[in-house]
Amino acid sequence: MEKARMVDISEKKDVIRVAKAEGFVRLKKSTVEAIREGNVPKGDVLTIANVAGILAVKKTPEIIPMCHPIPITSVSIEFEILDEGVKAVCTVKSVGKTGVEMEALTGVTAALLTVWDMVKALEKDETGNYPHTAIEYIRVLEKFKG
């Protein structure tokens, strides 16, 4: 069995790299309304989720062992509040030797986890569980190198 190792990217040229990932957190309609109206006890859900996603992008190589630490030149996270929950799209840019899709996936995932954390008191049922809450459809929408 071969040991785990990082891929050697020494010979690759620095180029612009962009990746976009999306995901969705399914929530109760009453929770969605609380987000829309700014009535969530923990505060501004999407502002905090945005900051969490950006921080997660920058920390990706610390939590995914074989990811290279790379210079991140831009991160944006956009949210869409839908009747069934919140959709997030994370776009990451870099100039470097390797892609940024893992950073985009990490950013969108952390943003959605933060939405869940911010609204979990509203999502719990009488037993303290989350029968309606789910993070879904996390995927890379596109990546670009050039």
Protein backbone atom coordinates (compact mmCIF):
# COMPACT_ATOMS: atom_id res chain seq x y z
CA MET A 1 0.00 0.00 0.00
CA GLU A 2 1.40 3.40 -1.01
CA LYS A 3 1.69 6.20 1.54
CA ALA A 4 -0.55 9.20 1.23
CA ARG A 5 1.14 12.20 -0.34
CA MET A 6 0.42 15.56 -1.85
CA VAL A 7 0.57 15.73 -5.63
CA ASP A 8 3.75 17.43 -6.85
CA ILE A 9 2.72 20.62 -8.67
CA SER A 10 6.23 22.09 -8.90
CA GLU A 11 6.36 22.01 -12.69
CA LYS A 12 2.93 23.55 -13.25
CA LYS A 13 2.69 27.16 -14.35
CA ASP A 14 0.85 29.82 -12.37
CA VAL A 15 -2.44 30.62 -14.09
CA ILE A 16 -5.78 32.12 -13.10
CA ARG A 17 -8.01 29.51 -11.46
CA VAL A 18 -11.71 29.95 -10.73
CA ALA A 19 -14.23 27.52 -9.26
CA LYS A 20 -17.87 27.90 -8.36
CA ALA A 21 -19.74 25.53 -6.03
CA GLU A 22 -23.32 25.52 -4.80
CA GLY A 23 -25.43 23.89 -2.15
CA PHE A 24 -28.79 24.16 -0.45
CA VAL A 25 -30.03 23.93 3.14
CA ARG A 26 -33.64 22.77 3.44
CA LEU A 27 -35.55 24.59 6.18
CA LYS A 28 -39.08 24.91 7.52
CA LYS A 29 -41.17 27.66 5.91
CA SER A 30 -41.42 29.46 9.26
CA THR A 31 -37.62 29.49 9.53
CA VAL A 32 -37.29 30.87 6.01
CA GLU A 33 -39.71 33.66 6.97
CA ALA A 34 -37.67 34.45 10.09
CA ILE A 35 -34.54 34.78 7.94
CA ARG A 36 -36.37 37.01 5.43
CA GLU A 37 -37.75 39.23 8.19
CA GLY A 38 -34.50 39.39 10.20
CA ASN A 39 -36.12 37.72 13.21
CA VAL A 40 -33.55 35.02 13.99
CA PRO A 41 -32.44 35.20 17.65
CA LYS A 42 -28.73 34.65 16.84
CA GLY A 43 -28.66 37.60 14.43
CA ASP A 44 -28.14 38.24 10.73
CA VAL A 45 -27.96 34.72 9.31
CA LEU A 46 -26.59 35.46 5.87
CA THR A 47 -23.94 37.95 7.02
CA ILE A 48 -22.54 35.45 9.51
CA ALA A 49 -22.76 32.60 6.97
CA ASN A 50 -20.90 34.75 4.44
CA VAL A 51 -18.04 35.41 6.84
CA ALA A 52 -17.91 31.72 7.83
CA GLY A 53 -17.72 30.64 4.20
CA ILE A 54 -14.90 33.07 3.40
CA LEU A 55 -12.94 31.95 6.45
CA ALA A 56 -13.45 28.30 5.51
CA VAL A 57 -12.07 28.91 2.01
CA LYS A 58 -8.90 30.36 3.53
CA LYS A 59 -8.59 27.40 5.96
CA THR A 60 -9.24 24.62 3.42
CA PRO A 61 -5.70 23.15 3.48
CA GLU A 62 -5.92 22.92 7.26
CA ILE A 63 -8.97 20.66 7.17
CA ILE A 64 -8.49 18.70 3.92
CA PRO A 65 -5.11 17.02 4.34
CA MET A 66 -3.89 16.80 0.73
CA CYS A 67 -4.96 20.28 -0.38
CA HIS A 68 -2.12 22.65 -1.18
CA PRO A 69 -2.03 26.00 0.59
CA ILE A 70 -2.61 28.43 -2.26
CA PRO A 71 -2.97 32.18 -2.61
CA ILE A 72 -6.67 33.06 -2.65
CA THR A 73 -7.25 36.26 -4.60
CA SER A 74 -11.04 36.47 -4.31
CA VAL A 75 -13.99 34.80 -2.56
CA SER A 76 -17.64 35.66 -2.99
CA ILE A 77 -20.65 33.90 -1.56
CA GLU A 78 -24.12 34.66 -2.82
CA PHE A 79 -27.32 33.52 -1.15
CA GLU A 80 -30.81 33.06 -2.49
CA ILE A 81 -33.66 32.67 -0.04
CA LEU A 82 -36.20 30.26 -1.49
CA ASP A 83 -39.49 29.03 -0.05
CA GLU A 84 -37.90 25.70 0.94
CA GLY A 85 -34.57 27.01 2.30
CA VAL A 86 -31.41 28.85 1.38
CA LYS A 87 -29.20 28.29 -1.67
CA ALA A 88 -25.55 29.37 -1.51
CA VAL A 89 -23.04 29.78 -4.33
CA CYS A 90 -19.34 30.21 -3.54
CA THR A 91 -16.90 31.50 -6.16
CA VAL A 92 -13.17 31.31 -5.48
CA LYS A 93 -10.32 32.77 -7.54
CA SER A 94 -6.58 32.24 -7.34
CA VAL A 95 -3.45 32.65 -9.42
CA GLY A 96 -1.50 29.48 -8.88
CA LYS A 97 -0.52 25.96 -9.82
CA THR A 98 -3.63 24.05 -8.73
CA GLY A 99 -7.39 24.41 -8.86
CA VAL A 100 -9.69 25.94 -6.27
CA GLU A 101 -12.69 23.61 -6.44
CA MET A 102 -12.03 22.15 -2.98
CA GLU A 103 -11.90 25.68 -1.58
CA ALA A 104 -15.22 26.53 -3.25
CA LEU A 105 -16.82 23.33 -1.92
CA THR A 106 -15.47 24.00 1.56
CA GLY A 107 -16.73 27.60 1.47
CA VAL A 108 -20.26 26.70 0.41
CA THR A 109 -20.43 23.86 2.92
CA ALA A 110 -19.30 26.05 5.84
CA ALA A 111 -21.76 28.76 4.81
CA LEU A 112 -24.65 26.28 4.80
CA LEU A 113 -23.56 24.72 8.10
CA THR A 114 -23.53 28.21 9.57
CA VAL A 115 -27.05 28.91 8.31
CA TRP A 116 -28.13 25.70 10.06
CA ASP A 117 -26.35 26.69 13.26
CA MET A 118 -27.89 30.16 13.22
CA VAL A 119 -31.45 28.80 12.88
CA LYS A 120 -31.25 25.48 14.71
CA ALA A 121 -33.44 26.67 17.59
CA LEU A 122 -36.19 27.36 15.03
CA GLU A 123 -35.70 24.04 13.25
CA LYS A 124 -35.84 21.67 16.25
CA ASP A 125 -38.96 19.61 16.82
CA GLU A 126 -40.40 18.83 20.25
CA THR A 127 -37.82 16.03 20.75
CA GLY A 128 -34.87 18.29 19.88
CA ASN A 129 -34.28 16.70 16.47
CA TYR A 130 -34.20 18.19 12.97
CA PRO A 131 -36.60 16.11 10.86
CA HIS A 132 -36.98 18.76 8.10
CA THR A 133 -33.49 20.24 7.99
CA ALA A 134 -30.99 18.93 5.42
CA ILE A 135 -27.97 20.16 3.50
CA GLU A 136 -28.33 19.04 -0.09
CA TYR A 137 -26.95 19.29 -3.61
CA ILE A 138 -23.41 20.37 -2.81
CA ARG A 139 -21.55 20.30 -6.10
CA VAL A 140 -19.05 22.07 -8.32
CA LEU A 141 -20.92 24.16 -10.88
CA GLU A 142 -17.87 25.09 -12.93
CA LYS A 143 -14.13 25.51 -12.87
CA PHE A 144 -11.86 27.52 -15.12
CA LYS A 145 -8.13 27.54 -15.77
CA GLY A 146 -6.51 29.98 -18.12
